[in-house]
Amino acid sequence: MCYSFYDTLDTSFWEVGAWRGYFSLALARRVESVVGFETRDHPISKFNEAAERNGFDNIRTVQDLVKSLDPYLEEYGTPDLV
C-alpha cells in the first residue's frame, strides 16, 4: 500500500515524557490521535500552546506520572506507536 505525505494514518501515538511535545507535534498531522504525558507544569503548558497555535484538535495532554497504563488504556485506547 502506498501513502501520500498528506494522508492521515489510522494510528494513535503516545509520547511518554513529552516535555514540550516535539515528536507529538511533528506527527500530529500524520496520525489520527496523539496523547502526550508529562509531569511538569511549564513544558506541558508550552506543549498545549503549540498545539493550539498550530490548530491541532487531535492532541490530548496528560499531566501525570505514568505508573500504570491501565487507566489511560481505558480512556484513550491502545496506542499504535509509543
N, C-alpha and C. Protein backbone atom coordinates (compact mmCIF):
# COMPACT_ATOMS: atom_id res chain seq x y z
N MET A 1 0.85 -1.17 0.00
CA MET A 1 0.00 0.00 0.00
C MET A 1 0.90 1.23 0.00
N CYS A 2 0.51 2.22 -0.75
CA CYS A 2 1.29 3.44 -0.86
C CYS A 2 0.49 4.61 -0.26
N TYR A 3 1.16 5.41 0.56
CA TYR A 3 0.52 6.55 1.20
C TYR A 3 1.10 7.85 0.68
N SER A 4 0.25 8.82 0.56
CA SER A 4 0.70 10.17 0.23
C SER A 4 1.16 10.86 1.50
N PHE A 5 2.04 11.82 1.36
CA PHE A 5 2.51 12.60 2.51
C PHE A 5 1.35 13.27 3.22
N TYR A 6 0.28 13.55 2.50
CA TYR A 6 -0.85 14.27 3.07
C TYR A 6 -1.92 13.36 3.65
N ASP A 7 -1.76 12.05 3.53
CA ASP A 7 -2.72 11.11 4.11
C ASP A 7 -2.58 11.10 5.63
N THR A 8 -3.70 10.97 6.31
CA THR A 8 -3.70 10.77 7.75
C THR A 8 -3.84 9.28 8.01
N LEU A 9 -2.91 8.73 8.76
CA LEU A 9 -2.93 7.31 9.05
C LEU A 9 -3.86 7.03 10.22
N ASP A 10 -4.54 5.92 10.16
CA ASP A 10 -5.44 5.50 11.24
C ASP A 10 -4.58 4.94 12.37
N THR A 11 -3.87 5.83 13.05
CA THR A 11 -2.87 5.45 14.04
C THR A 11 -2.96 6.36 15.25
N SER A 12 -2.74 5.80 16.42
CA SER A 12 -2.65 6.62 17.63
C SER A 12 -1.21 6.58 18.14
N PHE A 13 -0.75 7.73 18.61
CA PHE A 13 0.63 7.88 19.08
C PHE A 13 0.61 8.41 20.50
N TRP A 14 1.37 7.79 21.39
CA TRP A 14 1.54 8.26 22.76
C TRP A 14 2.98 8.67 22.94
N GLU A 15 3.19 9.86 23.49
CA GLU A 15 4.54 10.32 23.83
C GLU A 15 4.64 10.42 25.35
N VAL A 16 5.39 9.50 25.93
CA VAL A 16 5.58 9.47 27.37
C VAL A 16 6.85 10.26 27.68
N GLY A 17 6.74 11.23 28.61
CA GLY A 17 7.86 12.15 28.85
C GLY A 17 7.92 13.15 27.71
N ALA A 18 6.78 13.74 27.41
CA ALA A 18 6.62 14.56 26.21
C ALA A 18 7.38 15.88 26.23
N TRP A 19 7.70 16.39 27.42
CA TRP A 19 8.34 17.69 27.57
C TRP A 19 7.49 18.72 26.84
N ARG A 20 7.94 19.29 25.75
CA ARG A 20 7.14 20.28 25.00
C ARG A 20 6.47 19.69 23.77
N GLY A 21 6.48 18.37 23.68
CA GLY A 21 5.73 17.69 22.63
C GLY A 21 6.38 17.68 21.27
N TYR A 22 7.69 17.67 21.22
CA TYR A 22 8.39 17.73 19.93
C TYR A 22 7.90 16.65 18.96
N PHE A 23 7.91 15.39 19.39
CA PHE A 23 7.51 14.31 18.50
C PHE A 23 6.00 14.31 18.25
N SER A 24 5.24 14.64 19.27
CA SER A 24 3.78 14.70 19.12
C SER A 24 3.39 15.75 18.08
N LEU A 25 3.98 16.91 18.17
CA LEU A 25 3.66 17.98 17.22
C LEU A 25 4.10 17.62 15.81
N ALA A 26 5.23 16.93 15.70
CA ALA A 26 5.72 16.52 14.38
C ALA A 26 4.81 15.48 13.74
N LEU A 27 4.22 14.61 14.53
CA LEU A 27 3.39 13.53 13.99
C LEU A 27 1.90 13.87 13.93
N ALA A 28 1.48 14.92 14.58
CA ALA A 28 0.05 15.22 14.72
C ALA A 28 -0.68 15.36 13.38
N ARG A 29 -0.02 15.84 12.36
CA ARG A 29 -0.67 15.96 11.04
C ARG A 29 -0.80 14.61 10.33
N ARG A 30 -0.03 13.62 10.76
CA ARG A 30 0.01 12.34 10.06
C ARG A 30 -0.77 11.22 10.74
N VAL A 31 -1.11 11.41 12.03
CA VAL A 31 -1.81 10.34 12.75
C VAL A 31 -3.18 10.83 13.20
N GLU A 32 -4.02 9.89 13.53
CA GLU A 32 -5.39 10.23 13.92
C GLU A 32 -5.46 10.87 15.30
N SER A 33 -4.67 10.34 16.25
CA SER A 33 -4.72 10.90 17.60
C SER A 33 -3.36 10.83 18.28
N VAL A 34 -3.14 11.79 19.18
CA VAL A 34 -1.89 11.91 19.92
C VAL A 34 -2.22 12.14 21.39
N VAL A 35 -1.52 11.43 22.27
CA VAL A 35 -1.62 11.68 23.71
C VAL A 35 -0.20 11.90 24.22
N GLY A 36 0.03 13.06 24.84
CA GLY A 36 1.33 13.38 25.40
C GLY A 36 1.28 13.38 26.92
N PHE A 37 2.18 12.64 27.54
CA PHE A 37 2.24 12.56 29.00
C PHE A 37 3.46 13.32 29.49
N GLU A 38 3.26 14.19 30.46
CA GLU A 38 4.36 14.97 31.04
C GLU A 38 3.98 15.31 32.48
N THR A 39 4.97 15.32 33.37
CA THR A 39 4.69 15.59 34.78
C THR A 39 4.84 17.06 35.16
N ARG A 40 5.61 17.82 34.42
CA ARG A 40 5.91 19.21 34.81
C ARG A 40 4.93 20.21 34.19
N ASP A 41 4.65 21.27 34.96
CA ASP A 41 3.69 22.31 34.53
C ASP A 41 4.15 23.10 33.31
N HIS A 42 5.35 23.66 33.39
CA HIS A 42 5.81 24.59 32.35
C HIS A 42 5.90 23.94 30.97
N PRO A 43 6.55 22.78 30.84
CA PRO A 43 6.62 22.18 29.50
C PRO A 43 5.25 21.80 28.94
N ILE A 44 4.36 21.31 29.78
CA ILE A 44 3.05 20.89 29.26
C ILE A 44 2.23 22.10 28.83
N SER A 45 2.41 23.24 29.50
CA SER A 45 1.70 24.45 29.07
C SER A 45 2.23 24.92 27.72
N LYS A 46 3.54 24.82 27.52
CA LYS A 46 4.13 25.19 26.22
C LYS A 46 3.67 24.23 25.12
N PHE A 47 3.57 22.96 25.46
CA PHE A 47 3.07 21.94 24.54
C PHE A 47 1.64 22.28 24.12
N ASN A 48 0.78 22.57 25.10
CA ASN A 48 -0.61 22.92 24.80
C ASN A 48 -0.71 24.18 23.95
N GLU A 49 0.11 25.17 24.25
CA GLU A 49 0.13 26.41 23.46
C GLU A 49 0.51 26.13 22.01
N ALA A 50 1.52 25.31 21.81
CA ALA A 50 1.97 24.99 20.45
C ALA A 50 0.90 24.21 19.69
N ALA A 51 0.23 23.28 20.37
CA ALA A 51 -0.84 22.51 19.72
C ALA A 51 -1.98 23.43 19.30
N GLU A 52 -2.34 24.35 20.18
CA GLU A 52 -3.41 25.29 19.86
C GLU A 52 -3.00 26.24 18.73
N ARG A 53 -1.79 26.76 18.81
CA ARG A 53 -1.28 27.68 17.79
C ARG A 53 -1.27 27.03 16.40
N ASN A 54 -1.00 25.72 16.36
CA ASN A 54 -0.95 25.00 15.09
C ASN A 54 -2.30 24.42 14.67
N GLY A 55 -3.33 24.64 15.49
CA GLY A 55 -4.67 24.21 15.13
C GLY A 55 -4.92 22.72 15.25
N PHE A 56 -4.16 22.02 16.08
CA PHE A 56 -4.35 20.58 16.26
C PHE A 56 -5.49 20.33 17.25
N ASP A 57 -6.47 19.56 16.80
CA ASP A 57 -7.55 19.17 17.71
C ASP A 57 -7.48 17.68 18.03
N ASN A 58 -6.43 17.03 17.58
CA ASN A 58 -6.27 15.59 17.82
C ASN A 58 -5.21 15.29 18.89
N ILE A 59 -4.75 16.32 19.60
CA ILE A 59 -3.74 16.15 20.64
C ILE A 59 -4.39 16.30 22.01
N ARG A 60 -4.14 15.33 22.88
CA ARG A 60 -4.56 15.41 24.28
C ARG A 60 -3.31 15.35 25.13
N THR A 61 -3.24 16.16 26.17
CA THR A 61 -2.10 16.11 27.07
C THR A 61 -2.56 15.66 28.45
N VAL A 62 -1.71 14.90 29.10
CA VAL A 62 -1.99 14.38 30.43
C VAL A 62 -0.82 14.77 31.32
N GLN A 63 -1.12 15.53 32.37
CA GLN A 63 -0.08 15.90 33.32
C GLN A 63 -0.15 14.92 34.48
N ASP A 64 0.68 13.90 34.41
CA ASP A 64 0.66 12.85 35.42
C ASP A 64 1.91 12.00 35.27
N LEU A 65 2.31 11.38 36.35
CA LEU A 65 3.39 10.41 36.34
C LEU A 65 2.76 9.07 35.96
N VAL A 66 3.20 8.49 34.87
CA VAL A 66 2.60 7.25 34.38
C VAL A 66 3.17 6.08 35.19
N LYS A 67 2.36 5.60 36.11
CA LYS A 67 2.76 4.45 36.93
C LYS A 67 2.15 3.17 36.37
N SER A 68 0.97 3.30 35.83
CA SER A 68 0.27 2.17 35.24
C SER A 68 -0.49 2.69 34.02
N LEU A 69 -0.47 1.92 32.96
CA LEU A 69 -1.16 2.34 31.75
C LEU A 69 -2.65 2.02 31.76
N ASP A 70 -3.09 1.18 32.68
CA ASP A 70 -4.48 0.72 32.67
C ASP A 70 -5.51 1.84 32.59
N PRO A 71 -5.43 2.89 33.44
CA PRO A 71 -6.47 3.93 33.33
C PRO A 71 -6.43 4.67 31.99
N TYR A 72 -5.25 4.79 31.42
CA TYR A 72 -5.12 5.50 30.13
C TYR A 72 -5.57 4.63 28.97
N LEU A 73 -5.35 3.33 29.08
CA LEU A 73 -5.83 2.41 28.04
C LEU A 73 -7.35 2.45 27.98
N GLU A 74 -7.99 2.52 29.14
CA GLU A 74 -9.45 2.60 29.17
C GLU A 74 -9.95 3.89 28.55
N GLU A 75 -9.27 5.00 28.83
CA GLU A 75 -9.73 6.30 28.34
C GLU A 75 -9.36 6.56 26.89
N TYR A 76 -8.13 6.22 26.48
CA TYR A 76 -7.64 6.58 25.13
C TYR A 76 -7.49 5.40 24.18
N GLY A 77 -7.68 4.18 24.65
CA GLY A 77 -7.49 3.00 23.81
C GLY A 77 -6.02 2.62 23.73
N THR A 78 -5.75 1.55 23.04
CA THR A 78 -4.38 1.04 22.90
C THR A 78 -3.65 1.82 21.81
N PRO A 79 -2.45 2.34 22.13
CA PRO A 79 -1.72 3.12 21.13
C PRO A 79 -1.08 2.20 20.08
N ASP A 80 -0.91 2.73 18.89
CA ASP A 80 -0.20 2.01 17.83
C ASP A 80 1.30 2.29 17.90
N LEU A 81 1.65 3.50 18.33
CA LEU A 81 3.06 3.92 18.46
C LEU A 81 3.26 4.55 19.83
N VAL A 82 4.38 4.26 20.46
CA VAL A 82 4.73 4.87 21.75
C VAL A 82 6.12 5.41 21.64
